[in-house]
Amino acid sequence: MRPARGPVVHSKSESPLTQKLLDRIVQSPQHLIALETANVDETVAHMRMLALRSGTAVYVWEPDAGIASLRESGLHVPGSKRITDALRYVLQSMHFGIYLFVDFSAHLKSADTVLLRRISRMQGANERKLVFVSSAFELPEELDGMFERLAVDDEKQPRMRLRDGRWIK
C-alpha cells in the first residue's frame, strides 16, 4: 500500500497563510502592492522559502545590496543599488517576477513616482509585481489608487484546548 501524498508542512515558513499571500500578490490586478507587516525580516524569510520550494521568481531590493534573487543566493543584479536604477530594471525586464522592496522609504524620491506610474500602467503577459514591504507606509500621494494594500496577519490563532470536557480558547 502506498502512503498518501499531499503537502507536508515542515515549518511555519511554509504556512498556508504565506502561500495565500503569494497567491494574492500574483493575482492582484495592480502592479504596485503595499504589504504591511509587523515583522519585515520574517516575511521576507517566508517569501524566500516559498521561492525556493515553488520556483517562483522572487527578488528583494535592499539599499546595501540592490536587487538579489531569493531563489539563488548570491545572484545580484549589477547597478541596482540605487532605487531609481532598480525601478528602471523592473520596468525594462521582460520576465515575470515579484520584486520586494525593503527599507525603501528613505530612498524613494519624488522623481521616482514617474517610474512607479509607468510600472503601474504596464500591460502584457509578463507581469511584474512591485511589493513595498514595511511596517508603516508613507507612499507618495501621487500614487493613490495605483497600488493595492495587503496586510500580513501576524497574530496567531488561539489554540483550542480541552478542559472539563469542553473546548476553550
C-alpha atoms as a PDB file:
ATOM      1  CA  MET A   1       0.000   0.000   0.000  1.00  0.00           C
ATOM      2  CA  ARG A   2       1.322   3.432  -0.929  1.00  0.00           C
ATOM      3  CA  PRO A   3       1.439   6.248   1.594  1.00  0.00           C
ATOM      4  CA  ALA A   4      -0.909   9.126   0.873  1.00  0.00           C
ATOM      5  CA  ARG A   5       0.807  12.041  -0.835  1.00  0.00           C
ATOM      6  CA  GLY A   6      -0.020  15.609  -0.119  1.00  0.00           C
ATOM      7  CA  PRO A   7       1.535  18.830   1.055  1.00  0.00           C
ATOM      8  CA  VAL A   8       3.783  18.275   4.019  1.00  0.00           C
ATOM      9  CA  VAL A   9       4.331  21.285   6.232  1.00  0.00           C
ATOM     10  CA  HIS A  10       7.780  21.139   7.821  1.00  0.00           C
ATOM     11  CA  SER A  11       7.977  24.601   9.313  1.00  0.00           C
ATOM     12  CA  LYS A  12       5.934  27.698   9.816  1.00  0.00           C
ATOM     13  CA  SER A  13       7.679  29.280   6.811  1.00  0.00           C
ATOM     14  CA  GLU A  14       5.562  27.026   4.624  1.00  0.00           C
ATOM     15  CA  SER A  15       2.349  28.095   6.259  1.00  0.00           C
ATOM     16  CA  PRO A  16      -0.784  28.250   4.140  1.00  0.00           C
ATOM     17  CA  LEU A  17      -1.060  31.916   5.155  1.00  0.00           C
ATOM     18  CA  THR A  18       2.184  32.747   3.336  1.00  0.00           C
ATOM     19  CA  GLN A  19       1.119  30.763   0.262  1.00  0.00           C
ATOM     20  CA  LYS A  20      -2.207  32.608   0.226  1.00  0.00           C
ATOM     21  CA  LEU A  21      -0.334  35.904   0.463  1.00  0.00           C
ATOM     22  CA  LEU A  22       1.840  34.969  -2.519  1.00  0.00           C
ATOM     23  CA  ASP A  23      -1.275  33.948  -4.454  1.00  0.00           C
ATOM     24  CA  ARG A  24      -2.928  37.290  -3.653  1.00  0.00           C
ATOM     25  CA  ILE A  25       0.164  39.144  -4.869  1.00  0.00           C
ATOM     26  CA  VAL A  26       0.277  37.193  -8.137  1.00  0.00           C
ATOM     27  CA  GLN A  27      -3.474  37.518  -8.771  1.00  0.00           C
ATOM     28  CA  SER A  28      -3.647  41.218  -7.916  1.00  0.00           C
ATOM     29  CA  PRO A  29      -4.820  43.422 -10.782  1.00  0.00           C
ATOM     30  CA  GLN A  30      -2.345  46.089  -9.611  1.00  0.00           C
ATOM     31  CA  HIS A  31       1.385  46.018 -10.339  1.00  0.00           C
ATOM     32  CA  LEU A  32       2.210  48.050  -7.219  1.00  0.00           C
ATOM     33  CA  ILE A  33       1.414  46.460  -3.866  1.00  0.00           C
ATOM     34  CA  ALA A  34       1.906  47.822  -0.362  1.00  0.00           C
ATOM     35  CA  LEU A  35       2.408  44.942   2.085  1.00  0.00           C
ATOM     36  CA  GLU A  36       2.127  45.864   5.741  1.00  0.00           C
ATOM     37  CA  THR A  37       3.678  43.508   8.251  1.00  0.00           C
ATOM     38  CA  ALA A  38       4.868  43.834  11.827  1.00  0.00           C
ATOM     39  CA  ASN A  39       7.981  41.739  11.124  1.00  0.00           C
ATOM     40  CA  VAL A  40       9.548  42.602   7.750  1.00  0.00           C
ATOM     41  CA  ASP A  41      12.529  40.240   8.075  1.00  0.00           C
ATOM     42  CA  GLU A  42      10.330  37.252   8.901  1.00  0.00           C
ATOM     43  CA  THR A  43       8.019  37.989   5.962  1.00  0.00           C
ATOM     44  CA  VAL A  44      10.995  38.148   3.573  1.00  0.00           C
ATOM     45  CA  ALA A  45      12.288  34.858   5.036  1.00  0.00           C
ATOM     46  CA  HIS A  46       8.889  33.234   4.404  1.00  0.00           C
ATOM     47  CA  MET A  47       8.916  34.510   0.824  1.00  0.00           C
ATOM     48  CA  ARG A  48      12.456  33.132   0.374  1.00  0.00           C
ATOM     49  CA  MET A  49      11.291  29.659   1.433  1.00  0.00           C
ATOM     50  CA  LEU A  50       8.322  29.834  -0.934  1.00  0.00           C
ATOM     51  CA  ALA A  51      10.569  30.966  -3.796  1.00  0.00           C
ATOM     52  CA  LEU A  52      12.916  28.050  -3.153  1.00  0.00           C
ATOM     53  CA  ARG A  53      10.158  25.463  -2.932  1.00  0.00           C
ATOM     54  CA  SER A  54       7.833  26.705  -5.675  1.00  0.00           C
ATOM     55  CA  GLY A  55      10.364  28.072  -8.161  1.00  0.00           C
ATOM     56  CA  THR A  56       8.616  31.438  -8.321  1.00  0.00           C
ATOM     57  CA  ALA A  57      10.877  34.290  -9.405  1.00  0.00           C
ATOM     58  CA  VAL A  58      11.033  36.465  -6.284  1.00  0.00           C
ATOM     59  CA  TYR A  59      13.633  39.187  -5.837  1.00  0.00           C
ATOM     60  CA  VAL A  60      14.383  41.549  -2.973  1.00  0.00           C
ATOM     61  CA  TRP A  61      15.803  45.081  -3.150  1.00  0.00           C
ATOM     62  CA  GLU A  62      17.779  46.378  -0.211  1.00  0.00           C
ATOM     63  CA  PRO A  63      19.723  49.651  -0.118  1.00  0.00           C
ATOM     64  CA  ASP A  64      23.054  47.947   0.597  1.00  0.00           C
ATOM     65  CA  ALA A  65      22.840  45.105  -1.934  1.00  0.00           C
ATOM     66  CA  GLY A  66      20.463  46.196  -4.689  1.00  0.00           C
ATOM     67  CA  ILE A  67      18.239  43.585  -6.327  1.00  0.00           C
ATOM     68  CA  ALA A  68      19.020  39.991  -5.368  1.00  0.00           C
ATOM     69  CA  SER A  69      17.266  36.730  -6.172  1.00  0.00           C
ATOM     70  CA  LEU A  70      15.632  34.942  -3.243  1.00  0.00           C
ATOM     71  CA  ARG A  71      15.835  31.617  -5.084  1.00  0.00           C
ATOM     72  CA  GLU A  72      19.508  31.707  -5.984  1.00  0.00           C
ATOM     73  CA  SER A  73      21.640  33.143  -3.223  1.00  0.00           C
ATOM     74  CA  GLY A  74      24.499  35.317  -4.384  1.00  0.00           C
ATOM     75  CA  LEU A  75      22.758  36.325  -7.626  1.00  0.00           C
ATOM     76  CA  HIS A  76      22.650  40.136  -7.656  1.00  0.00           C
ATOM     77  CA  VAL A  77      21.619  42.496 -10.442  1.00  0.00           C
ATOM     78  CA  PRO A  78      24.596  44.771 -11.094  1.00  0.00           C
ATOM     79  CA  GLY A  79      23.952  48.503 -10.889  1.00  0.00           C
ATOM     80  CA  SER A  80      20.711  48.236  -8.926  1.00  0.00           C
ATOM     81  CA  LYS A  81      21.725  49.677  -5.549  1.00  0.00           C
ATOM     82  CA  ARG A  82      20.010  52.997  -6.184  1.00  0.00           C
ATOM     83  CA  ILE A  83      16.226  52.690  -6.083  1.00  0.00           C
ATOM     84  CA  THR A  84      15.880  54.624  -9.343  1.00  0.00           C
ATOM     85  CA  ASP A  85      18.109  52.122 -11.161  1.00  0.00           C
ATOM     86  CA  ALA A  86      16.226  49.211  -9.591  1.00  0.00           C
ATOM     87  CA  LEU A  87      12.871  50.629 -10.758  1.00  0.00           C
ATOM     88  CA  ARG A  88      14.267  51.085 -14.282  1.00  0.00           C
ATOM     89  CA  TYR A  89      15.438  47.472 -14.242  1.00  0.00           C
ATOM     90  CA  VAL A  90      11.965  46.256 -13.239  1.00  0.00           C
ATOM     91  CA  LEU A  91      10.389  48.416 -15.936  1.00  0.00           C
ATOM     92  CA  GLN A  92      12.704  47.081 -18.664  1.00  0.00           C
ATOM     93  CA  SER A  93      12.711  43.450 -17.560  1.00  0.00           C
ATOM     94  CA  MET A  94      10.978  41.095 -19.959  1.00  0.00           C
ATOM     95  CA  HIS A  95      10.344  38.319 -17.426  1.00  0.00           C
ATOM     96  CA  PHE A  96       7.745  37.646 -14.758  1.00  0.00           C
ATOM     97  CA  GLY A  97       8.945  38.492 -11.291  1.00  0.00           C
ATOM     98  CA  ILE A  98       7.877  39.612  -7.851  1.00  0.00           C
ATOM     99  CA  TYR A  99      10.147  42.353  -6.543  1.00  0.00           C
ATOM    100  CA  LEU A 100      10.103  43.010  -2.794  1.00  0.00           C
ATOM    101  CA  PHE A 101      11.353  46.467  -1.819  1.00  0.00           C
ATOM    102  CA  VAL A 102      12.521  46.640   1.807  1.00  0.00           C
ATOM    103  CA  ASP A 103      13.759  49.777   3.640  1.00  0.00           C
ATOM    104  CA  PHE A 104      12.671  51.935   0.743  1.00  0.00           C
ATOM    105  CA  SER A 105      11.078  54.977   2.402  1.00  0.00           C
ATOM    106  CA  ALA A 106      14.284  56.999   2.868  1.00  0.00           C
ATOM    107  CA  HIS A 107      15.377  56.289  -0.715  1.00  0.00           C
ATOM    108  CA  LEU A 108      12.122  56.940  -2.591  1.00  0.00           C
ATOM    109  CA  LYS A 109      12.294  60.398  -4.204  1.00  0.00           C
ATOM    110  CA  SER A 110       9.530  62.352  -5.882  1.00  0.00           C
ATOM    111  CA  ALA A 111      11.209  61.783  -9.278  1.00  0.00           C
ATOM    112  CA  ASP A 112      10.739  58.028  -8.790  1.00  0.00           C
ATOM    113  CA  THR A 113       6.958  58.416  -8.898  1.00  0.00           C
ATOM    114  CA  VAL A 114       7.193  58.804 -12.682  1.00  0.00           C
ATOM    115  CA  LEU A 115       8.769  55.336 -12.944  1.00  0.00           C
ATOM    116  CA  LEU A 116       6.245  53.908 -10.471  1.00  0.00           C
ATOM    117  CA  ARG A 117       3.370  55.304 -12.557  1.00  0.00           C
ATOM    118  CA  ARG A 118       4.812  53.678 -15.681  1.00  0.00           C
ATOM    119  CA  ILE A 119       5.141  50.361 -13.825  1.00  0.00           C
ATOM    120  CA  SER A 120       1.551  50.612 -12.578  1.00  0.00           C
ATOM    121  CA  ARG A 121       0.303  51.040 -16.177  1.00  0.00           C
ATOM    122  CA  MET A 122       2.305  48.158 -17.675  1.00  0.00           C
ATOM    123  CA  GLN A 123       0.407  45.739 -19.837  1.00  0.00           C
ATOM    124  CA  GLY A 124       1.481  42.418 -21.202  1.00  0.00           C
ATOM    125  CA  ALA A 125       1.751  38.744 -20.495  1.00  0.00           C
ATOM    126  CA  ASN A 126       4.942  39.034 -18.420  1.00  0.00           C
ATOM    127  CA  GLU A 127       3.570  40.638 -15.315  1.00  0.00           C
ATOM    128  CA  ARG A 128       5.928  42.133 -12.794  1.00  0.00           C
ATOM    129  CA  LYS A 129       4.769  42.900  -9.287  1.00  0.00           C
ATOM    130  CA  LEU A 130       6.457  45.533  -7.143  1.00  0.00           C
ATOM    131  CA  VAL A 131       5.766  44.853  -3.470  1.00  0.00           C
ATOM    132  CA  PHE A 132       6.755  47.500  -0.931  1.00  0.00           C
ATOM    133  CA  VAL A 133       7.226  45.694   2.387  1.00  0.00           C
ATOM    134  CA  SER A 134       7.116  47.804   5.540  1.00  0.00           C
ATOM    135  CA  SER A 135       5.593  48.040   8.982  1.00  0.00           C
ATOM    136  CA  ALA A 136       4.160  51.510   8.229  1.00  0.00           C
ATOM    137  CA  PHE A 137       3.570  53.134   4.848  1.00  0.00           C
ATOM    138  CA  GLU A 138       4.256  56.604   3.581  1.00  0.00           C
ATOM    139  CA  LEU A 139       3.880  56.272  -0.184  1.00  0.00           C
ATOM    140  CA  PRO A 140       3.647  59.491  -2.237  1.00  0.00           C
ATOM    141  CA  GLU A 141       0.167  60.952  -2.708  1.00  0.00           C
ATOM    142  CA  GLU A 142       0.633  60.874  -6.480  1.00  0.00           C
ATOM    143  CA  LEU A 143       0.335  57.078  -6.316  1.00  0.00           C
ATOM    144  CA  ASP A 144      -3.056  56.960  -4.594  1.00  0.00           C
ATOM    145  CA  GLY A 145      -5.296  54.482  -6.375  1.00  0.00           C
ATOM    146  CA  MET A 146      -2.375  52.882  -8.241  1.00  0.00           C
ATOM    147  CA  PHE A 147      -1.479  50.274  -5.634  1.00  0.00           C
ATOM    148  CA  GLU A 148      -3.218  47.619  -3.596  1.00  0.00           C
ATOM    149  CA  ARG A 149      -2.761  47.377   0.163  1.00  0.00           C
ATOM    150  CA  LEU A 150      -2.263  43.963   1.705  1.00  0.00           C
ATOM    151  CA  ALA A 151      -1.587  43.094   5.330  1.00  0.00           C
ATOM    152  CA  VAL A 152       0.062  40.072   6.891  1.00  0.00           C
ATOM    153  CA  ASP A 153      -1.950  38.790   9.812  1.00  0.00           C
ATOM    154  CA  ASP A 154       0.872  38.129  12.260  1.00  0.00           C
ATOM    155  CA  GLU A 155      -1.416  37.276  15.102  1.00  0.00           C
ATOM    156  CA  LYS A 156      -1.628  33.586  15.741  1.00  0.00           C
ATOM    157  CA  GLN A 157      -4.977  31.941  16.226  1.00  0.00           C
ATOM    158  CA  PRO A 158      -5.521  30.934  19.831  1.00  0.00           C
ATOM    159  CA  ARG A 159      -5.067  27.241  20.301  1.00  0.00           C
ATOM    160  CA  MET A 160      -8.140  25.278  21.331  1.00  0.00           C
ATOM    161  CA  ARG A 161      -7.746  23.185  24.486  1.00  0.00           C
ATOM    162  CA  LEU A 162      -9.960  20.579  26.046  1.00  0.00           C
ATOM    163  CA  ARG A 163     -10.828  21.467  29.624  1.00  0.00           C
ATOM    164  CA  ASP A 164     -13.504  19.720  31.681  1.00  0.00           C
ATOM    165  CA  GLY A 165     -14.997  18.151  28.559  1.00  0.00           C
ATOM    166  CA  ARG A 166     -15.302  21.497  26.722  1.00  0.00           C
ATOM    167  CA  TRP A 167     -13.162  23.116  24.052  1.00  0.00           C
ATOM    168  CA  ILE A 168     -11.919  26.542  25.099  1.00  0.00           C
ATOM    169  CA  LYS A 169      -9.572  29.091  23.587  1.00  0.00           C
END
